[in-house]
Amino acid sequence: MILTVELEREEDGRWIAEVMELPGVMCYGASRELAIANVKALALRELALRLEHGETPFGFEGVSFAEAA
């Protein structure tokens, strides 16, 4: 499973990162790198919760992250 991280810079200088395949998985960071690290951690927590509740995504064998173009 490859998760796509989309990044955008806010007017106040903060970065926002969102994982497109997991609705609601979105984080801010003071830097681009921090926003990416935060959203990856949140995405992994969300996937762990889904696995604990038997909601394994189809074809789930592992996770990779890719930045959106």
PDB file of N, CA and C in Angstrom:
ATOM      1  N   MET A   1       0.849  -1.164   0.000  1.00  0.00           N
ATOM      2  CA  MET A   1       0.000   0.000   0.000  1.00  0.00           C
ATOM      3  C   MET A   1       0.897   1.230   0.000  1.00  0.00           C
ATOM      4  N   ILE A   2       0.738   2.075  -0.999  1.00  0.00           N
ATOM      5  CA  ILE A   2       1.492   3.325  -1.068  1.00  0.00           C
ATOM      6  C   ILE A   2       0.535   4.461  -0.719  1.00  0.00           C
ATOM      7  N   LEU A   3       0.917   5.253   0.284  1.00  0.00           N
ATOM      8  CA  LEU A   3       0.119   6.383   0.717  1.00  0.00           C
ATOM      9  C   LEU A   3       0.723   7.667   0.159  1.00  0.00           C
ATOM     10  N   THR A   4      -0.117   8.493  -0.407  1.00  0.00           N
ATOM     11  CA  THR A   4       0.330   9.735  -1.034  1.00  0.00           C
ATOM     12  C   THR A   4       0.218  10.895  -0.056  1.00  0.00           C
ATOM     13  N   VAL A   5       1.323  11.600   0.146  1.00  0.00           N
ATOM     14  CA  VAL A   5       1.350  12.776   1.019  1.00  0.00           C
ATOM     15  C   VAL A   5       1.309  14.023   0.147  1.00  0.00           C
ATOM     16  N   GLU A   6       0.252  14.813   0.320  1.00  0.00           N
ATOM     17  CA  GLU A   6       0.120  16.072  -0.408  1.00  0.00           C
ATOM     18  C   GLU A   6       0.478  17.205   0.547  1.00  0.00           C
ATOM     19  N   LEU A   7       1.288  18.137   0.052  1.00  0.00           N
ATOM     20  CA  LEU A   7       1.778  19.245   0.878  1.00  0.00           C
ATOM     21  C   LEU A   7       1.318  20.586   0.339  1.00  0.00           C
ATOM     22  N   GLU A   8       1.080  21.493   1.275  1.00  0.00           N
ATOM     23  CA  GLU A   8       0.706  22.849   0.892  1.00  0.00           C
ATOM     24  C   GLU A   8       1.232  23.803   1.961  1.00  0.00           C
ATOM     25  N   ARG A   9       1.692  24.953   1.534  1.00  0.00           N
ATOM     26  CA  ARG A   9       2.163  25.958   2.489  1.00  0.00           C
ATOM     27  C   ARG A   9       1.070  26.986   2.714  1.00  0.00           C
ATOM     28  N   GLU A  10       0.756  27.227   3.977  1.00  0.00           N
ATOM     29  CA  GLU A  10      -0.269  28.190   4.357  1.00  0.00           C
ATOM     30  C   GLU A  10       0.291  29.616   4.276  1.00  0.00           C
ATOM     31  N   GLU A  11      -0.593  30.591   4.272  1.00  0.00           N
ATOM     32  CA  GLU A  11      -0.165  31.990   4.196  1.00  0.00           C
ATOM     33  C   GLU A  11       0.689  32.405   5.389  1.00  0.00           C
ATOM     34  N   ASP A  12       0.456  31.772   6.545  1.00  0.00           N
ATOM     35  CA  ASP A  12       1.221  32.117   7.753  1.00  0.00           C
ATOM     36  C   ASP A  12       2.577  31.403   7.819  1.00  0.00           C
ATOM     37  N   GLY A  13       2.914  30.641   6.786  1.00  0.00           N
ATOM     38  CA  GLY A  13       4.207  29.980   6.717  1.00  0.00           C
ATOM     39  C   GLY A  13       4.208  28.528   7.166  1.00  0.00           C
ATOM     40  N   ARG A  14       3.143  28.105   7.845  1.00  0.00           N
ATOM     41  CA  ARG A  14       3.076  26.710   8.271  1.00  0.00           C
ATOM     42  C   ARG A  14       2.836  25.816   7.058  1.00  0.00           C
ATOM     43  N   TRP A  15       3.230  24.553   7.202  1.00  0.00           N
ATOM     44  CA  TRP A  15       2.989  23.551   6.176  1.00  0.00           C
ATOM     45  C   TRP A  15       1.869  22.644   6.630  1.00  0.00           C
ATOM     46  N   ILE A  16       1.052  22.204   5.707  1.00  0.00           N
ATOM     47  CA  ILE A  16       0.014  21.226   5.985  1.00  0.00           C
ATOM     48  C   ILE A  16       0.256  20.032   5.085  1.00  0.00           C
ATOM     49  N   ALA A  17       0.208  18.840   5.691  1.00  0.00           N
ATOM     50  CA  ALA A  17       0.407  17.594   4.951  1.00  0.00           C
ATOM     51  C   ALA A  17      -0.837  16.739   5.138  1.00  0.00           C
ATOM     52  N   GLU A  18      -1.263  16.093   4.052  1.00  0.00           N
ATOM     53  CA  GLU A  18      -2.455  15.264   4.086  1.00  0.00           C
ATOM     54  C   GLU A  18      -2.173  13.957   3.371  1.00  0.00           C
ATOM     55  N   VAL A  19      -2.665  12.846   3.942  1.00  0.00           N
ATOM     56  CA  VAL A  19      -2.561  11.543   3.292  1.00  0.00           C
ATOM     57  C   VAL A  19      -3.865  11.335   2.534  1.00  0.00           C
ATOM     58  N   MET A  20      -3.772  11.322   1.233  1.00  0.00           N
ATOM     59  CA  MET A  20      -4.953  11.326   0.374  1.00  0.00           C
ATOM     60  C   MET A  20      -5.814  10.063   0.518  1.00  0.00           C
ATOM     61  N   GLU A  21      -5.203   8.926   0.783  1.00  0.00           N
ATOM     62  CA  GLU A  21      -5.938   7.670   0.862  1.00  0.00           C
ATOM     63  C   GLU A  21      -6.647   7.461   2.205  1.00  0.00           C
ATOM     64  N   LEU A  22      -6.360   8.321   3.185  1.00  0.00           N
ATOM     65  CA  LEU A  22      -6.958   8.187   4.519  1.00  0.00           C
ATOM     66  C   LEU A  22      -7.658   9.501   4.881  1.00  0.00           C
ATOM     67  N   PRO A  23      -8.940   9.613   4.598  1.00  0.00           N
ATOM     68  CA  PRO A  23      -9.670  10.852   4.883  1.00  0.00           C
ATOM     69  C   PRO A  23      -9.498  11.286   6.343  1.00  0.00           C
ATOM     70  N   GLY A  24      -9.217  12.565   6.518  1.00  0.00           N
ATOM     71  CA  GLY A  24      -9.059  13.125   7.859  1.00  0.00           C
ATOM     72  C   GLY A  24      -7.653  13.063   8.408  1.00  0.00           C
ATOM     73  N   VAL A  25      -6.738  12.390   7.715  1.00  0.00           N
ATOM     74  CA  VAL A  25      -5.353  12.302   8.184  1.00  0.00           C
ATOM     75  C   VAL A  25      -4.591  13.488   7.608  1.00  0.00           C
ATOM     76  N   MET A  26      -4.483  14.525   8.450  1.00  0.00           N
ATOM     77  CA  MET A  26      -3.926  15.810   8.032  1.00  0.00           C
ATOM     78  C   MET A  26      -3.206  16.420   9.237  1.00  0.00           C
ATOM     79  N   CYS A  27      -2.021  16.977   9.020  1.00  0.00           N
ATOM     80  CA  CYS A  27      -1.238  17.570  10.104  1.00  0.00           C
ATOM     81  C   CYS A  27      -0.533  18.835   9.634  1.00  0.00           C
ATOM     82  N   TYR A  28      -0.313  19.723  10.584  1.00  0.00           N
ATOM     83  CA  TYR A  28       0.481  20.924  10.350  1.00  0.00           C
ATOM     84  C   TYR A  28       1.891  20.711  10.872  1.00  0.00           C
ATOM     85  N   GLY A  29       2.820  21.521  10.364  1.00  0.00           N
ATOM     86  CA  GLY A  29       4.180  21.541  10.867  1.00  0.00           C
ATOM     87  C   GLY A  29       4.808  22.884  10.584  1.00  0.00           C
ATOM     88  N   ALA A  30       5.721  23.298  11.442  1.00  0.00           N
ATOM     89  CA  ALA A  30       6.419  24.574  11.253  1.00  0.00           C
ATOM     90  C   ALA A  30       7.323  24.516  10.024  1.00  0.00           C
ATOM     91  N   SER A  31       7.755  23.303   9.667  1.00  0.00           N
ATOM     92  CA  SER A  31       8.572  23.110   8.463  1.00  0.00           C
ATOM     93  C   SER A  31       7.937  22.016   7.622  1.00  0.00           C
ATOM     94  N   ARG A  32       8.385  21.926   6.400  1.00  0.00           N
ATOM     95  CA  ARG A  32       7.905  20.882   5.482  1.00  0.00           C
ATOM     96  C   ARG A  32       8.189  19.498   6.055  1.00  0.00           C
ATOM     97  N   GLU A  33       9.409  19.327   6.556  1.00  0.00           N
ATOM     98  CA  GLU A  33       9.837  18.045   7.098  1.00  0.00           C
ATOM     99  C   GLU A  33       9.018  17.638   8.316  1.00  0.00           C
ATOM    100  N   LEU A  34       8.712  18.607   9.185  1.00  0.00           N
ATOM    101  CA  LEU A  34       7.932  18.316  10.383  1.00  0.00           C
ATOM    102  C   LEU A  34       6.494  17.948  10.024  1.00  0.00           C
ATOM    103  N   ALA A  35       5.914  18.628   9.052  1.00  0.00           N
ATOM    104  CA  ALA A  35       4.556  18.295   8.610  1.00  0.00           C
ATOM    105  C   ALA A  35       4.512  16.876   8.050  1.00  0.00           C
ATOM    106  N   ILE A  36       5.512  16.496   7.273  1.00  0.00           N
ATOM    107  CA  ILE A  36       5.570  15.139   6.715  1.00  0.00           C
ATOM    108  C   ILE A  36       5.722  14.109   7.828  1.00  0.00           C
ATOM    109  N   ALA A  37       6.620  14.356   8.773  1.00  0.00           N
ATOM    110  CA  ALA A  37       6.821  13.412   9.878  1.00  0.00           C
ATOM    111  C   ALA A  37       5.541  13.257  10.694  1.00  0.00           C
ATOM    112  N   ASN A  38       4.865  14.372  10.963  1.00  0.00           N
ATOM    113  CA  ASN A  38       3.627  14.328  11.744  1.00  0.00           C
ATOM    114  C   ASN A  38       2.540  13.536  11.036  1.00  0.00           C
ATOM    115  N   VAL A  39       2.376  13.761   9.736  1.00  0.00           N
ATOM    116  CA  VAL A  39       1.291  13.088   9.021  1.00  0.00           C
ATOM    117  C   VAL A  39       1.599  11.601   8.824  1.00  0.00           C
ATOM    118  N   LYS A  40       2.861  11.242   8.674  1.00  0.00           N
ATOM    119  CA  LYS A  40       3.220   9.820   8.574  1.00  0.00           C
ATOM    120  C   LYS A  40       2.898   9.110   9.886  1.00  0.00           C
ATOM    121  N   ALA A  41       3.228   9.731  11.006  1.00  0.00           N
ATOM    122  CA  ALA A  41       2.944   9.138  12.313  1.00  0.00           C
ATOM    123  C   ALA A  41       1.437   8.968  12.509  1.00  0.00           C
ATOM    124  N   LEU A  42       0.663   9.981  12.144  1.00  0.00           N
ATOM    125  CA  LEU A  42      -0.790   9.903  12.278  1.00  0.00           C
ATOM    126  C   LEU A  42      -1.369   8.829  11.370  1.00  0.00           C
ATOM    127  N   ALA A  43      -0.870   8.719  10.153  1.00  0.00           N
ATOM    128  CA  ALA A  43      -1.348   7.699   9.215  1.00  0.00           C
ATOM    129  C   ALA A  43      -1.072   6.303   9.762  1.00  0.00           C
ATOM    130  N   LEU A  44       0.091   6.084  10.338  1.00  0.00           N
ATOM    131  CA  LEU A  44       0.420   4.776  10.896  1.00  0.00           C
ATOM    132  C   LEU A  44      -0.471   4.456  12.095  1.00  0.00           C
ATOM    133  N   ARG A  45      -0.775   5.464  12.922  1.00  0.00           N
ATOM    134  CA  ARG A  45      -1.694   5.245  14.049  1.00  0.00           C
ATOM    135  C   ARG A  45      -3.088   4.884  13.539  1.00  0.00           C
ATOM    136  N   GLU A  46      -3.545   5.574  12.489  1.00  0.00           N
ATOM    137  CA  GLU A  46      -4.863   5.299  11.910  1.00  0.00           C
ATOM    138  C   GLU A  46      -4.914   3.879  11.348  1.00  0.00           C
ATOM    139  N   LEU A  47      -3.887   3.472  10.638  1.00  0.00           N
ATOM    140  CA  LEU A  47      -3.845   2.112  10.096  1.00  0.00           C
ATOM    141  C   LEU A  47      -3.804   1.073  11.215  1.00  0.00           C
ATOM    142  N   ALA A  48      -3.064   1.353  12.284  1.00  0.00           N
ATOM    143  CA  ALA A  48      -3.002   0.429  13.416  1.00  0.00           C
ATOM    144  C   ALA A  48      -4.385   0.261  14.040  1.00  0.00           C
ATOM    145  N   LEU A  49      -5.124   1.357  14.197  1.00  0.00           N
ATOM    146  CA  LEU A  49      -6.481   1.276  14.739  1.00  0.00           C
ATOM    147  C   LEU A  49      -7.385   0.438  13.847  1.00  0.00           C
ATOM    148  N   ARG A  50      -7.278   0.646  12.545  1.00  0.00           N
ATOM    149  CA  ARG A  50      -8.094  -0.130  11.608  1.00  0.00           C
ATOM    150  C   ARG A  50      -7.762  -1.619  11.690  1.00  0.00           C
ATOM    151  N   LEU A  51      -6.481  -1.936  11.777  1.00  0.00           N
ATOM    152  CA  LEU A  51      -6.066  -3.341  11.878  1.00  0.00           C
ATOM    153  C   LEU A  51      -6.591  -3.960  13.178  1.00  0.00           C
ATOM    154  N   GLU A  52      -6.523  -3.214  14.284  1.00  0.00           N
ATOM    155  CA  GLU A  52      -7.020  -3.707  15.566  1.00  0.00           C
ATOM    156  C   GLU A  52      -8.511  -4.006  15.526  1.00  0.00           C
ATOM    157  N   HIS A  53      -9.243  -3.261  14.702  1.00  0.00           N
ATOM    158  CA  HIS A  53     -10.689  -3.438  14.604  1.00  0.00           C
ATOM    159  C   HIS A  53     -11.102  -4.312  13.416  1.00  0.00           C
ATOM    160  N   GLY A  54     -10.131  -5.001  12.832  1.00  0.00           N
ATOM    161  CA  GLY A  54     -10.431  -5.916  11.736  1.00  0.00           C
ATOM    162  C   GLY A  54     -10.800  -5.233  10.436  1.00  0.00           C
ATOM    163  N   GLU A  55     -10.393  -4.000  10.268  1.00  0.00           N
ATOM    164  CA  GLU A  55     -10.710  -3.231   9.058  1.00  0.00           C
ATOM    165  C   GLU A  55      -9.490  -3.149   8.145  1.00  0.00           C
ATOM    166  N   THR A  56      -8.886  -4.277   7.867  1.00  0.00           N
ATOM    167  CA  THR A  56      -7.688  -4.315   7.044  1.00  0.00           C
ATOM    168  C   THR A  56      -8.009  -3.887   5.617  1.00  0.00           C
ATOM    169  N   PRO A  57      -7.317  -2.875   5.108  1.00  0.00           N
ATOM    170  CA  PRO A  57      -7.553  -2.471   3.719  1.00  0.00           C
ATOM    171  C   PRO A  57      -7.212  -3.599   2.750  1.00  0.00           C
ATOM    172  N   PHE A  58      -7.967  -3.697   1.654  1.00  0.00           N
ATOM    173  CA  PHE A  58      -7.734  -4.717   0.636  1.00  0.00           C
ATOM    174  C   PHE A  58      -6.309  -4.613   0.117  1.00  0.00           C
ATOM    175  N   GLY A  59      -5.629  -5.721   0.043  1.00  0.00           N
ATOM    176  CA  GLY A  59      -4.270  -5.756  -0.490  1.00  0.00           C
ATOM    177  C   GLY A  59      -3.224  -5.220   0.462  1.00  0.00           C
ATOM    178  N   PHE A  60      -3.570  -5.075   1.727  1.00  0.00           N
ATOM    179  CA  PHE A  60      -2.635  -4.513   2.700  1.00  0.00           C
ATOM    180  C   PHE A  60      -1.545  -5.524   3.027  1.00  0.00           C
ATOM    181  N   GLU A  61      -0.320  -5.195   2.675  1.00  0.00           N
ATOM    182  CA  GLU A  61       0.829  -6.038   3.006  1.00  0.00           C
ATOM    183  C   GLU A  61       1.935  -5.234   3.663  1.00  0.00           C
ATOM    184  N   GLY A  62       1.842  -3.936   3.584  1.00  0.00           N
ATOM    185  CA  GLY A  62       2.836  -3.033   4.139  1.00  0.00           C
ATOM    186  C   GLY A  62       2.492  -1.629   3.706  1.00  0.00           C
ATOM    187  N   VAL A  63       3.294  -0.677   4.150  1.00  0.00           N
ATOM    188  CA  VAL A  63       3.010   0.723   3.876  1.00  0.00           C
ATOM    189  C   VAL A  63       4.260   1.409   3.329  1.00  0.00           C
ATOM    190  N   SER A  64       4.070   2.227   2.303  1.00  0.00           N
ATOM    191  CA  SER A  64       5.116   3.104   1.790  1.00  0.00           C
ATOM    192  C   SER A  64       4.485   4.484   1.599  1.00  0.00           C
ATOM    193  N   PHE A  65       5.293   5.509   1.705  1.00  0.00           N
ATOM    194  CA  PHE A  65       4.814   6.875   1.502  1.00  0.00           C
ATOM    195  C   PHE A  65       5.488   7.462   0.269  1.00  0.00           C
ATOM    196  N   ALA A  66       4.715   8.251  -0.494  1.00  0.00           N
ATOM    197  CA  ALA A  66       5.238   8.958  -1.655  1.00  0.00           C
ATOM    198  C   ALA A  66       4.670  10.364  -1.637  1.00  0.00           C
ATOM    199  N   GLU A  67       5.500  11.340  -1.966  1.00  0.00           N
ATOM    200  CA  GLU A  67       5.012  12.715  -2.033  1.00  0.00           C
ATOM    201  C   GLU A  67       4.280  12.928  -3.341  1.00  0.00           C
ATOM    202  N   ALA A  68       3.186  13.673  -3.258  1.00  0.00           N
ATOM    203  CA  ALA A  68       2.427  14.000  -4.459  1.00  0.00           C
ATOM    204  C   ALA A  68       3.256  14.929  -5.330  1.00  0.00           C
ATOM    205  N   ALA A  69       3.062  14.813  -6.615  1.00  0.00           N
ATOM    206  CA  ALA A  69       3.827  15.655  -7.558  1.00  0.00           C
ATOM    207  C   ALA A  69       3.269  17.061  -7.599  1.00  0.00           C
TER     208      ALA A  69
END
